[in-house]
């Protein structure tokens, strides 16, 4: 393991039965490994206990004392240790899954002053409505959202054997990863130099 590389966490946002998210996340993780700028982890929300009912206190103010379920410890640890995120999300009814919103809401400082990129998939819009909503939410948590994401419209006909059919997709992924690596290194240095004034 190269401890100088930023740690990237790829989040599988859907927990729906028959979901396509793991295939997309696996391809994205492969692109990140090929890129070489990150230590890459994949976190699948379907493997984590994420209740919808939240404690009365805000995680922003409770800090380490926030009462998260024991089954969420791996997710919290992964988010805390990350220098960057790629959120892989479908679009449900013009937005993103409740599982993803719950995972975000159980945390606060784990997102702060860290870059987040998006890879979405769906019907004709390719999940873009979900990404627009996520950008608003994560900006509220003082994360930095990356402009160049990946969207896969009509994924059910646009992928084969675990890969997108579009030959340009790896190039688009490289652009995303280049920007994400720049922000990950810059923000990690900034966090180490001084606490973020949240």
N, C-alpha and C. Protein backbone atom coordinates (compact mmCIF):
# COMPACT_ATOMS: atom_id res chain seq x y z
N UNK A 1 0.83 -1.19 0.00
CA UNK A 1 0.00 0.00 0.00
C UNK A 1 0.88 1.25 0.00
N UNK A 2 0.56 2.21 -0.88
CA UNK A 2 1.27 3.47 -0.94
C UNK A 2 0.53 4.48 -0.08
N UNK A 3 1.07 4.78 1.09
CA UNK A 3 0.39 5.67 2.02
C UNK A 3 0.36 7.11 1.54
N UNK A 4 1.12 7.44 0.48
CA UNK A 4 1.09 8.79 -0.05
C UNK A 4 -0.06 9.01 -1.03
N UNK A 5 -0.63 7.92 -1.52
CA UNK A 5 -1.76 8.07 -2.44
C UNK A 5 -3.02 8.41 -1.66
N UNK A 6 -3.85 9.28 -2.20
CA UNK A 6 -5.15 9.53 -1.57
C UNK A 6 -5.99 8.26 -1.55
N UNK A 7 -6.76 8.11 -0.48
CA UNK A 7 -7.65 6.95 -0.38
C UNK A 7 -9.01 7.31 -0.97
N UNK A 8 -9.41 6.55 -1.97
CA UNK A 8 -10.68 6.75 -2.67
C UNK A 8 -11.68 5.70 -2.23
N UNK A 9 -12.86 6.13 -1.82
CA UNK A 9 -13.94 5.21 -1.49
C UNK A 9 -15.03 5.33 -2.57
N UNK A 10 -15.29 4.22 -3.25
CA UNK A 10 -16.36 4.13 -4.24
C UNK A 10 -17.59 3.58 -3.51
N UNK A 11 -18.67 4.34 -3.52
CA UNK A 11 -19.88 3.97 -2.77
C UNK A 11 -20.95 3.46 -3.72
N UNK A 12 -21.42 2.23 -3.47
CA UNK A 12 -22.56 1.68 -4.21
C UNK A 12 -23.82 2.16 -3.51
N UNK A 13 -24.54 3.08 -4.13
CA UNK A 13 -25.62 3.78 -3.45
C UNK A 13 -26.95 3.07 -3.41
N UNK A 14 -27.19 2.10 -4.28
CA UNK A 14 -28.47 1.42 -4.33
C UNK A 14 -28.43 0.11 -3.55
N UNK A 15 -29.53 -0.18 -2.86
CA UNK A 15 -29.67 -1.46 -2.17
C UNK A 15 -30.85 -2.25 -2.74
N UNK A 16 -31.37 -1.82 -3.84
CA UNK A 16 -32.55 -2.41 -4.45
C UNK A 16 -32.28 -3.83 -4.95
N UNK A 17 -33.28 -4.68 -4.85
CA UNK A 17 -33.15 -6.04 -5.39
C UNK A 17 -32.93 -5.98 -6.89
N UNK A 18 -31.95 -6.74 -7.38
CA UNK A 18 -31.66 -6.78 -8.80
C UNK A 18 -30.91 -5.56 -9.31
N UNK A 19 -30.35 -4.78 -8.41
CA UNK A 19 -29.68 -3.52 -8.78
C UNK A 19 -28.50 -3.74 -9.71
N UNK A 20 -28.20 -2.69 -10.46
CA UNK A 20 -27.10 -2.71 -11.41
C UNK A 20 -25.85 -2.04 -10.83
N UNK A 21 -26.01 -1.38 -9.70
CA UNK A 21 -24.93 -0.60 -9.11
C UNK A 21 -23.61 -1.34 -8.91
N UNK A 22 -23.61 -2.57 -8.41
CA UNK A 22 -22.32 -3.25 -8.22
C UNK A 22 -21.52 -3.41 -9.51
N UNK A 23 -22.19 -3.62 -10.64
CA UNK A 23 -21.47 -3.74 -11.91
C UNK A 23 -20.80 -2.42 -12.27
N UNK A 24 -21.53 -1.32 -12.08
CA UNK A 24 -20.96 0.00 -12.38
C UNK A 24 -19.81 0.30 -11.44
N UNK A 25 -20.01 0.04 -10.15
CA UNK A 25 -18.97 0.33 -9.16
C UNK A 25 -17.71 -0.49 -9.42
N UNK A 26 -17.87 -1.75 -9.82
CA UNK A 26 -16.72 -2.59 -10.12
C UNK A 26 -15.93 -2.02 -11.29
N UNK A 27 -16.63 -1.59 -12.33
CA UNK A 27 -15.94 -1.00 -13.49
C UNK A 27 -15.24 0.30 -13.09
N UNK A 28 -15.93 1.13 -12.28
CA UNK A 28 -15.33 2.39 -11.83
C UNK A 28 -14.08 2.12 -11.00
N UNK A 29 -14.13 1.14 -10.10
CA UNK A 29 -12.97 0.80 -9.29
C UNK A 29 -11.81 0.32 -10.16
N UNK A 30 -12.12 -0.44 -11.21
CA UNK A 30 -11.07 -0.89 -12.13
C UNK A 30 -10.43 0.31 -12.83
N UNK A 31 -11.25 1.27 -13.24
CA UNK A 31 -10.71 2.48 -13.88
C UNK A 31 -9.81 3.24 -12.91
N UNK A 32 -10.22 3.31 -11.65
CA UNK A 32 -9.41 4.01 -10.64
C UNK A 32 -8.11 3.28 -10.38
N UNK A 33 -8.15 1.94 -10.36
CA UNK A 33 -6.91 1.16 -10.19
C UNK A 33 -5.97 1.40 -11.37
N UNK A 34 -6.52 1.41 -12.57
CA UNK A 34 -5.71 1.65 -13.77
C UNK A 34 -5.12 3.06 -13.76
N UNK A 35 -5.90 3.99 -13.30
CA UNK A 35 -5.44 5.39 -13.21
C UNK A 35 -4.19 5.48 -12.36
N UNK A 36 -4.18 4.77 -11.24
CA UNK A 36 -2.98 4.70 -10.41
C UNK A 36 -2.81 5.81 -9.39
N UNK A 37 -3.77 6.72 -9.31
CA UNK A 37 -3.61 7.84 -8.41
C UNK A 37 -4.19 7.65 -7.03
N UNK A 38 -4.77 6.48 -6.76
CA UNK A 38 -5.50 6.27 -5.51
C UNK A 38 -5.25 4.88 -4.94
N UNK A 39 -5.46 4.79 -3.64
CA UNK A 39 -5.76 3.50 -2.99
C UNK A 39 -7.28 3.39 -3.00
N UNK A 40 -7.82 2.32 -3.55
CA UNK A 40 -9.25 2.24 -3.83
C UNK A 40 -9.94 1.24 -2.93
N UNK A 41 -11.05 1.66 -2.33
CA UNK A 41 -11.94 0.77 -1.58
C UNK A 41 -13.35 0.92 -2.16
N UNK A 42 -14.11 -0.16 -2.16
CA UNK A 42 -15.51 -0.13 -2.56
C UNK A 42 -16.36 -0.42 -1.33
N UNK A 43 -17.34 0.45 -1.08
CA UNK A 43 -18.27 0.27 0.03
C UNK A 43 -19.67 0.09 -0.55
N UNK A 44 -20.28 -1.05 -0.25
CA UNK A 44 -21.61 -1.38 -0.75
C UNK A 44 -22.61 -1.16 0.37
N UNK A 45 -23.51 -0.20 0.20
CA UNK A 45 -24.48 0.12 1.26
C UNK A 45 -25.41 -1.04 1.57
N UNK A 46 -25.55 -1.99 0.64
CA UNK A 46 -26.41 -3.15 0.90
C UNK A 46 -25.83 -4.05 1.98
N UNK A 47 -24.55 -3.89 2.28
CA UNK A 47 -23.90 -4.73 3.28
C UNK A 47 -23.84 -4.06 4.66
N UNK A 48 -24.50 -2.92 4.81
CA UNK A 48 -24.38 -2.13 6.04
C UNK A 48 -25.76 -1.86 6.62
N UNK A 49 -25.85 -1.90 7.93
CA UNK A 49 -27.09 -1.58 8.64
C UNK A 49 -27.23 -0.06 8.68
N UNK A 50 -28.22 0.48 7.94
CA UNK A 50 -28.42 1.92 7.87
C UNK A 50 -29.89 2.22 8.20
N UNK A 51 -30.22 2.41 9.46
CA UNK A 51 -31.60 2.73 9.82
C UNK A 51 -32.02 4.09 9.26
N UNK A 52 -33.32 4.25 9.03
CA UNK A 52 -33.83 5.54 8.59
C UNK A 52 -34.08 6.49 9.77
N UNK A 53 -34.36 5.94 10.94
CA UNK A 53 -34.60 6.78 12.12
C UNK A 53 -33.27 7.28 12.67
N UNK A 54 -33.17 8.59 12.83
CA UNK A 54 -31.93 9.22 13.28
C UNK A 54 -32.04 9.69 14.74
N UNK A 55 -30.91 9.75 15.45
CA UNK A 55 -30.92 10.32 16.81
C UNK A 55 -31.31 11.79 16.78
N UNK A 56 -31.71 12.31 17.94
CA UNK A 56 -32.15 13.70 18.03
C UNK A 56 -31.00 14.67 17.76
N UNK A 57 -29.81 14.34 18.22
CA UNK A 57 -28.66 15.23 18.07
C UNK A 57 -28.16 15.21 16.62
N UNK A 58 -27.51 16.29 16.22
CA UNK A 58 -26.90 16.35 14.90
C UNK A 58 -25.50 15.76 14.94
N UNK A 59 -25.11 14.99 13.91
CA UNK A 59 -23.74 14.46 13.89
C UNK A 59 -22.70 15.58 13.75
N UNK A 60 -23.13 16.73 13.23
CA UNK A 60 -22.20 17.86 13.10
C UNK A 60 -21.68 18.29 14.46
N UNK A 61 -22.57 18.32 15.45
CA UNK A 61 -22.20 18.82 16.77
C UNK A 61 -21.82 17.71 17.75
N UNK A 62 -22.36 16.51 17.54
CA UNK A 62 -22.08 15.41 18.47
C UNK A 62 -20.68 14.83 18.26
N UNK A 63 -20.16 14.92 17.04
CA UNK A 63 -18.81 14.43 16.77
C UNK A 63 -18.67 12.94 17.03
N UNK A 64 -17.60 12.57 17.75
CA UNK A 64 -17.32 11.16 18.01
C UNK A 64 -18.34 10.53 18.95
N UNK A 65 -19.12 11.34 19.64
CA UNK A 65 -20.12 10.82 20.57
C UNK A 65 -21.45 10.50 19.90
N UNK A 66 -21.53 10.69 18.60
CA UNK A 66 -22.79 10.44 17.90
C UNK A 66 -23.14 8.96 17.98
N UNK A 67 -24.36 8.62 18.41
CA UNK A 67 -24.71 7.21 18.67
C UNK A 67 -25.12 6.44 17.41
N UNK A 68 -24.13 6.02 16.66
CA UNK A 68 -24.42 5.23 15.46
C UNK A 68 -24.55 3.75 15.82
N UNK A 69 -25.36 3.00 15.06
CA UNK A 69 -25.47 1.55 15.29
C UNK A 69 -24.12 0.86 15.07
N UNK A 70 -23.89 -0.20 15.80
CA UNK A 70 -22.63 -0.93 15.67
C UNK A 70 -22.42 -1.41 14.25
N UNK A 71 -23.50 -1.75 13.55
CA UNK A 71 -23.40 -2.24 12.18
C UNK A 71 -22.96 -1.21 11.17
N UNK A 72 -22.89 0.04 11.61
CA UNK A 72 -22.48 1.13 10.73
C UNK A 72 -21.00 1.47 10.90
N UNK A 73 -20.32 0.80 11.80
CA UNK A 73 -18.93 1.16 12.13
C UNK A 73 -18.01 1.09 10.91
N UNK A 74 -18.18 0.08 10.07
CA UNK A 74 -17.31 -0.06 8.90
C UNK A 74 -17.51 1.10 7.93
N UNK A 75 -18.76 1.51 7.75
CA UNK A 75 -19.05 2.64 6.86
C UNK A 75 -18.44 3.92 7.42
N UNK A 76 -18.64 4.18 8.70
CA UNK A 76 -18.10 5.39 9.32
C UNK A 76 -16.59 5.42 9.21
N UNK A 77 -15.94 4.29 9.46
CA UNK A 77 -14.49 4.20 9.37
C UNK A 77 -14.01 4.47 7.94
N UNK A 78 -14.71 3.91 6.96
CA UNK A 78 -14.33 4.11 5.56
C UNK A 78 -14.47 5.57 5.15
N UNK A 79 -15.58 6.19 5.55
CA UNK A 79 -15.79 7.60 5.22
C UNK A 79 -14.76 8.48 5.91
N UNK A 80 -14.48 8.17 7.17
CA UNK A 80 -13.52 8.97 7.94
C UNK A 80 -12.13 8.89 7.31
N UNK A 81 -11.74 7.72 6.86
CA UNK A 81 -10.40 7.52 6.33
C UNK A 81 -10.23 7.92 4.88
N UNK A 82 -11.32 8.27 4.21
CA UNK A 82 -11.25 8.60 2.78
C UNK A 82 -10.70 10.00 2.56
N UNK A 83 -10.00 10.15 1.46
CA UNK A 83 -9.60 11.46 0.97
C UNK A 83 -10.48 11.92 -0.19
N UNK A 84 -11.23 10.99 -0.78
CA UNK A 84 -12.09 11.30 -1.91
C UNK A 84 -13.15 10.23 -2.04
N UNK A 85 -14.24 10.59 -2.72
CA UNK A 85 -15.35 9.67 -2.90
C UNK A 85 -15.81 9.68 -4.35
N UNK A 86 -16.26 8.52 -4.82
CA UNK A 86 -17.08 8.43 -6.02
C UNK A 86 -18.39 7.78 -5.60
N UNK A 87 -19.48 8.48 -5.80
CA UNK A 87 -20.80 7.96 -5.48
C UNK A 87 -21.41 7.40 -6.76
N UNK A 88 -21.74 6.12 -6.73
CA UNK A 88 -22.40 5.45 -7.85
C UNK A 88 -23.87 5.36 -7.52
N UNK A 89 -24.69 6.03 -8.32
CA UNK A 89 -26.11 6.11 -7.97
C UNK A 89 -27.01 5.90 -9.19
N UNK A 90 -28.13 5.22 -8.98
CA UNK A 90 -29.18 5.21 -9.99
C UNK A 90 -30.08 6.43 -9.77
N UNK A 91 -31.09 6.54 -10.60
CA UNK A 91 -32.10 7.58 -10.42
C UNK A 91 -33.45 6.92 -10.16
N UNK A 92 -34.02 7.23 -9.00
CA UNK A 92 -35.36 6.74 -8.66
C UNK A 92 -36.30 7.94 -8.60
N UNK A 93 -37.28 7.99 -9.48
CA UNK A 93 -38.26 9.07 -9.44
C UNK A 93 -37.61 10.45 -9.43
N UNK A 94 -36.65 10.64 -10.32
CA UNK A 94 -35.94 11.91 -10.50
C UNK A 94 -35.07 12.28 -9.31
N UNK A 95 -34.67 11.31 -8.51
CA UNK A 95 -33.74 11.61 -7.41
C UNK A 95 -32.92 10.36 -7.12
N UNK A 96 -32.26 10.35 -5.97
CA UNK A 96 -31.36 9.27 -5.63
C UNK A 96 -31.98 8.40 -4.53
N UNK A 97 -31.42 7.22 -4.26
CA UNK A 97 -32.05 6.27 -3.35
C UNK A 97 -32.05 6.73 -1.89
N UNK A 98 -33.07 6.30 -1.17
CA UNK A 98 -33.17 6.60 0.26
C UNK A 98 -31.99 6.03 1.04
N UNK A 99 -31.46 4.88 0.60
CA UNK A 99 -30.31 4.28 1.28
C UNK A 99 -29.12 5.23 1.27
N UNK A 100 -28.93 5.92 0.18
CA UNK A 100 -27.82 6.85 0.05
C UNK A 100 -28.04 8.08 0.92
N UNK A 101 -29.26 8.58 0.94
CA UNK A 101 -29.56 9.74 1.80
C UNK A 101 -29.36 9.39 3.26
N UNK A 102 -29.77 8.21 3.66
CA UNK A 102 -29.59 7.80 5.05
C UNK A 102 -28.11 7.69 5.40
N UNK A 103 -27.33 7.11 4.51
CA UNK A 103 -25.89 6.98 4.77
C UNK A 103 -25.23 8.34 4.91
N UNK A 104 -25.66 9.29 4.08
CA UNK A 104 -25.13 10.65 4.17
C UNK A 104 -25.55 11.29 5.49
N UNK A 105 -26.82 11.18 5.85
CA UNK A 105 -27.35 11.89 7.01
C UNK A 105 -26.81 11.37 8.34
N UNK A 106 -26.37 10.13 8.39
CA UNK A 106 -25.79 9.58 9.61
C UNK A 106 -24.38 10.14 9.87
N UNK A 107 -23.87 10.92 8.95
CA UNK A 107 -22.50 11.44 9.05
C UNK A 107 -22.50 12.92 8.72
N UNK A 108 -21.40 13.59 9.05
CA UNK A 108 -21.25 15.00 8.68
C UNK A 108 -19.78 15.33 8.43
N UNK A 109 -18.99 15.28 9.50
CA UNK A 109 -17.58 15.68 9.38
C UNK A 109 -16.80 14.75 8.46
N UNK A 110 -17.29 13.54 8.27
CA UNK A 110 -16.60 12.57 7.40
C UNK A 110 -16.58 13.03 5.94
N UNK A 111 -17.50 13.92 5.57
CA UNK A 111 -17.56 14.44 4.20
C UNK A 111 -16.83 15.77 4.05
N UNK A 112 -16.61 16.45 5.16
CA UNK A 112 -16.17 17.84 5.13
C UNK A 112 -14.80 18.02 4.48
N UNK A 113 -14.73 19.00 3.57
CA UNK A 113 -13.48 19.36 2.89
C UNK A 113 -12.86 18.19 2.14
N UNK A 114 -13.72 17.35 1.57
CA UNK A 114 -13.27 16.23 0.74
C UNK A 114 -14.01 16.28 -0.60
N UNK A 115 -13.37 15.85 -1.67
CA UNK A 115 -14.01 15.90 -2.98
C UNK A 115 -14.89 14.68 -3.24
N UNK A 116 -15.99 14.93 -3.95
CA UNK A 116 -16.93 13.87 -4.30
C UNK A 116 -17.24 13.95 -5.79
N UNK A 117 -17.05 12.84 -6.49
CA UNK A 117 -17.43 12.73 -7.89
C UNK A 117 -18.61 11.77 -8.01
N UNK A 118 -19.29 11.84 -9.15
CA UNK A 118 -20.51 11.07 -9.31
C UNK A 118 -20.49 10.25 -10.59
N UNK A 119 -20.94 9.02 -10.47
CA UNK A 119 -21.18 8.16 -11.62
C UNK A 119 -22.63 7.69 -11.49
N UNK A 120 -23.45 8.04 -12.48
CA UNK A 120 -24.87 7.74 -12.39
C UNK A 120 -25.32 6.90 -13.58
N UNK A 121 -26.45 6.26 -13.40
CA UNK A 121 -27.02 5.44 -14.46
C UNK A 121 -28.53 5.46 -14.34
N UNK A 122 -29.20 5.27 -15.45
CA UNK A 122 -30.67 5.29 -15.42
C UNK A 122 -31.23 5.14 -16.80
N UNK A 123 -32.42 5.73 -16.99
CA UNK A 123 -33.07 5.70 -18.29
C UNK A 123 -32.50 6.78 -19.19
N UNK A 124 -33.37 7.53 -19.81
CA UNK A 124 -32.92 8.52 -20.79
C UNK A 124 -32.02 9.58 -20.19
N UNK A 125 -32.26 9.95 -18.94
CA UNK A 125 -31.46 11.02 -18.30
C UNK A 125 -30.15 10.50 -17.72
N UNK A 126 -29.98 9.20 -17.65
CA UNK A 126 -28.72 8.64 -17.15
C UNK A 126 -28.43 8.94 -15.69
N UNK A 127 -29.46 9.24 -14.92
CA UNK A 127 -29.26 9.50 -13.49
C UNK A 127 -28.87 10.93 -13.17
N UNK A 128 -28.94 11.83 -14.13
CA UNK A 128 -28.47 13.20 -13.90
C UNK A 128 -29.30 13.95 -12.86
N UNK A 129 -30.60 13.63 -12.79
CA UNK A 129 -31.42 14.29 -11.76
C UNK A 129 -30.94 13.90 -10.36
N UNK A 130 -30.57 12.66 -10.19
CA UNK A 130 -30.05 12.20 -8.90
C UNK A 130 -28.79 12.95 -8.53
N UNK A 131 -27.91 13.16 -9.50
CA UNK A 131 -26.64 13.85 -9.23
C UNK A 131 -26.89 15.30 -8.85
N UNK A 132 -27.81 15.97 -9.53
CA UNK A 132 -28.11 17.36 -9.19
C UNK A 132 -28.55 17.48 -7.74
N UNK A 133 -29.37 16.55 -7.28
CA UNK A 133 -29.82 16.57 -5.89
C UNK A 133 -28.67 16.27 -4.93
N UNK A 134 -27.84 15.32 -5.29
CA UNK A 134 -26.69 14.98 -4.43
C UNK A 134 -25.71 16.13 -4.31
N UNK A 135 -25.52 16.87 -5.39
CA UNK A 135 -24.62 18.02 -5.32
C UNK A 135 -25.10 19.03 -4.29
N UNK A 136 -26.39 19.27 -4.25
CA UNK A 136 -26.94 20.20 -3.26
C UNK A 136 -26.73 19.70 -1.84
N UNK A 137 -27.00 18.43 -1.62
CA UNK A 137 -26.88 17.86 -0.28
C UNK A 137 -25.43 17.87 0.20
N UNK A 138 -24.52 17.41 -0.64
CA UNK A 138 -23.12 17.29 -0.21
C UNK A 138 -22.44 18.65 -0.08
N UNK A 139 -22.87 19.64 -0.83
CA UNK A 139 -22.36 20.99 -0.63
C UNK A 139 -22.74 21.50 0.76
N UNK A 140 -23.92 21.16 1.23
CA UNK A 140 -24.35 21.54 2.58
C UNK A 140 -23.43 20.95 3.64
N UNK A 141 -22.84 19.79 3.35
CA UNK A 141 -21.93 19.14 4.29
C UNK A 141 -20.47 19.58 4.08
N UNK A 142 -20.28 20.64 3.29
CA UNK A 142 -18.96 21.22 3.04
C UNK A 142 -18.04 20.28 2.25
N UNK A 143 -18.63 19.37 1.49
CA UNK A 143 -17.85 18.59 0.54
C UNK A 143 -17.65 19.42 -0.73
N UNK A 144 -16.70 19.02 -1.56
CA UNK A 144 -16.42 19.70 -2.83
C UNK A 144 -16.84 18.75 -3.95
N UNK A 145 -17.84 19.13 -4.71
CA UNK A 145 -18.31 18.26 -5.78
C UNK A 145 -17.54 18.53 -7.07
N UNK A 146 -17.24 17.46 -7.79
CA UNK A 146 -16.44 17.51 -9.00
C UNK A 146 -17.35 17.74 -10.21
N UNK A 147 -16.96 18.65 -11.06
CA UNK A 147 -17.80 19.00 -12.20
C UNK A 147 -18.00 17.85 -13.17
N UNK A 148 -16.91 17.21 -13.58
CA UNK A 148 -16.99 16.20 -14.63
C UNK A 148 -17.29 14.83 -14.05
N UNK A 149 -18.54 14.41 -14.22
CA UNK A 149 -18.94 13.08 -13.78
C UNK A 149 -19.17 12.17 -14.98
N UNK A 150 -19.71 11.01 -14.69
CA UNK A 150 -20.07 10.04 -15.72
C UNK A 150 -21.54 9.71 -15.58
N UNK A 151 -22.26 9.71 -16.68
CA UNK A 151 -23.67 9.34 -16.68
C UNK A 151 -23.90 8.30 -17.78
N UNK A 152 -24.64 7.26 -17.43
CA UNK A 152 -24.91 6.19 -18.39
C UNK A 152 -26.41 6.08 -18.64
N UNK A 153 -26.90 6.76 -19.69
CA UNK A 153 -28.31 6.63 -20.05
C UNK A 153 -28.61 5.22 -20.58
N UNK A 154 -29.82 4.78 -20.34
CA UNK A 154 -30.28 3.49 -20.86
C UNK A 154 -29.25 2.39 -20.66
N UNK A 155 -28.78 2.30 -19.41
CA UNK A 155 -27.69 1.37 -19.08
C UNK A 155 -28.03 -0.07 -19.45
N UNK A 156 -29.30 -0.40 -19.48
CA UNK A 156 -29.73 -1.79 -19.73
C UNK A 156 -29.41 -2.23 -21.15
N UNK A 157 -29.18 -1.29 -22.05
CA UNK A 157 -28.75 -1.66 -23.41
C UNK A 157 -27.34 -1.13 -23.71
N UNK A 158 -26.78 -0.30 -22.80
CA UNK A 158 -25.51 0.37 -23.08
C UNK A 158 -24.31 -0.33 -22.43
N UNK A 159 -24.57 -1.45 -21.72
CA UNK A 159 -23.49 -2.20 -21.08
C UNK A 159 -23.53 -3.65 -21.54
N UNK A 160 -22.35 -4.26 -21.56
CA UNK A 160 -22.26 -5.68 -21.89
C UNK A 160 -21.04 -6.26 -21.19
N UNK A 161 -21.22 -7.40 -20.56
CA UNK A 161 -20.13 -8.10 -19.89
C UNK A 161 -19.42 -7.21 -18.86
N UNK A 162 -20.22 -6.42 -18.13
CA UNK A 162 -19.66 -5.61 -17.06
C UNK A 162 -18.93 -4.36 -17.49
N UNK A 163 -19.11 -3.97 -18.76
CA UNK A 163 -18.43 -2.78 -19.28
C UNK A 163 -19.39 -1.95 -20.13
N UNK A 164 -19.23 -0.62 -20.11
CA UNK A 164 -20.03 0.19 -21.03
C UNK A 164 -19.59 -0.02 -22.47
N UNK A 165 -20.54 -0.01 -23.38
CA UNK A 165 -20.24 -0.21 -24.79
C UNK A 165 -19.61 1.03 -25.43
N UNK A 166 -19.82 2.19 -24.86
CA UNK A 166 -19.26 3.43 -25.39
C UNK A 166 -17.74 3.39 -25.29
N UNK A 167 -17.02 3.42 -26.40
CA UNK A 167 -15.55 3.34 -26.34
C UNK A 167 -14.91 4.58 -25.70
N UNK A 168 -15.68 5.66 -25.59
CA UNK A 168 -15.15 6.88 -24.97
C UNK A 168 -15.24 6.85 -23.44
N UNK A 169 -15.96 5.89 -22.88
CA UNK A 169 -16.19 5.88 -21.43
C UNK A 169 -14.90 5.87 -20.61
N UNK A 170 -13.90 5.05 -20.94
CA UNK A 170 -12.66 5.10 -20.15
C UNK A 170 -11.99 6.47 -20.17
N UNK A 171 -12.07 7.18 -21.29
CA UNK A 171 -11.50 8.52 -21.37
C UNK A 171 -12.23 9.50 -20.48
N UNK A 172 -13.58 9.39 -20.45
CA UNK A 172 -14.36 10.24 -19.55
C UNK A 172 -14.03 9.92 -18.09
N UNK A 173 -13.85 8.63 -17.81
CA UNK A 173 -13.49 8.23 -16.45
C UNK A 173 -12.14 8.81 -16.05
N UNK A 174 -11.20 8.82 -16.98
CA UNK A 174 -9.88 9.38 -16.67
C UNK A 174 -9.97 10.86 -16.34
N UNK A 175 -10.79 11.60 -17.08
CA UNK A 175 -10.98 13.02 -16.78
C UNK A 175 -11.53 13.21 -15.38
N UNK A 176 -12.55 12.43 -15.04
CA UNK A 176 -13.12 12.48 -13.69
C UNK A 176 -12.04 12.19 -12.65
N UNK A 177 -11.27 11.14 -12.87
CA UNK A 177 -10.27 10.70 -11.89
C UNK A 177 -9.11 11.69 -11.79
N UNK A 178 -8.73 12.31 -12.90
CA UNK A 178 -7.69 13.34 -12.86
C UNK A 178 -8.12 14.51 -11.98
N UNK A 179 -9.34 14.97 -12.18
CA UNK A 179 -9.85 16.08 -11.38
C UNK A 179 -9.99 15.68 -9.91
N UNK A 180 -10.49 14.48 -9.69
CA UNK A 180 -10.67 14.01 -8.32
C UNK A 180 -9.34 13.88 -7.61
N UNK A 181 -8.32 13.38 -8.30
CA UNK A 181 -6.99 13.24 -7.69
C UNK A 181 -6.40 14.60 -7.34
N UNK A 182 -6.58 15.56 -8.20
CA UNK A 182 -6.08 16.91 -7.92
C UNK A 182 -6.72 17.47 -6.66
N UNK A 183 -8.04 17.38 -6.60
CA UNK A 183 -8.74 17.90 -5.43
C UNK A 183 -8.43 17.09 -4.17
N UNK A 184 -8.30 15.80 -4.30
CA UNK A 184 -8.00 14.96 -3.14
C UNK A 184 -6.67 15.35 -2.52
N UNK A 185 -5.66 15.53 -3.35
CA UNK A 185 -4.34 15.91 -2.83
C UNK A 185 -4.36 17.32 -2.25
N UNK A 186 -5.00 18.25 -2.96
CA UNK A 186 -5.04 19.63 -2.50
C UNK A 186 -5.78 19.76 -1.19
N UNK A 187 -6.93 19.09 -1.08
CA UNK A 187 -7.73 19.21 0.14
C UNK A 187 -7.11 18.44 1.31
N UNK A 188 -6.46 17.33 1.03
CA UNK A 188 -5.77 16.62 2.11
C UNK A 188 -4.66 17.50 2.68
N UNK A 189 -3.90 18.14 1.82
CA UNK A 189 -2.85 19.05 2.29
C UNK A 189 -3.44 20.20 3.10
N UNK A 190 -4.56 20.72 2.63
CA UNK A 190 -5.20 21.83 3.35
C UNK A 190 -5.71 21.39 4.71
N UNK A 191 -6.31 20.20 4.79
CA UNK A 191 -6.82 19.69 6.08
C UNK A 191 -5.68 19.45 7.06
N UNK A 192 -4.53 19.01 6.53
CA UNK A 192 -3.39 18.77 7.39
C UNK A 192 -2.76 20.07 7.88
N UNK A 193 -2.86 21.11 7.06
CA UNK A 193 -2.25 22.39 7.41
C UNK A 193 -3.05 23.16 8.45
N UNK A 194 -4.39 23.03 8.38
CA UNK A 194 -5.23 23.79 9.31
C UNK A 194 -6.62 23.16 9.34
N UNK A 195 -7.28 23.20 10.50
CA UNK A 195 -8.65 22.67 10.57
C UNK A 195 -9.58 23.46 9.65
N UNK A 196 -10.50 22.76 9.02
CA UNK A 196 -11.47 23.42 8.17
C UNK A 196 -12.43 24.24 9.02
N UNK A 197 -12.71 25.51 8.65
CA UNK A 197 -13.56 26.37 9.49
C UNK A 197 -15.05 26.14 9.26
N UNK A 198 -15.53 24.96 9.62
CA UNK A 198 -16.95 24.63 9.41
C UNK A 198 -17.81 25.21 10.52
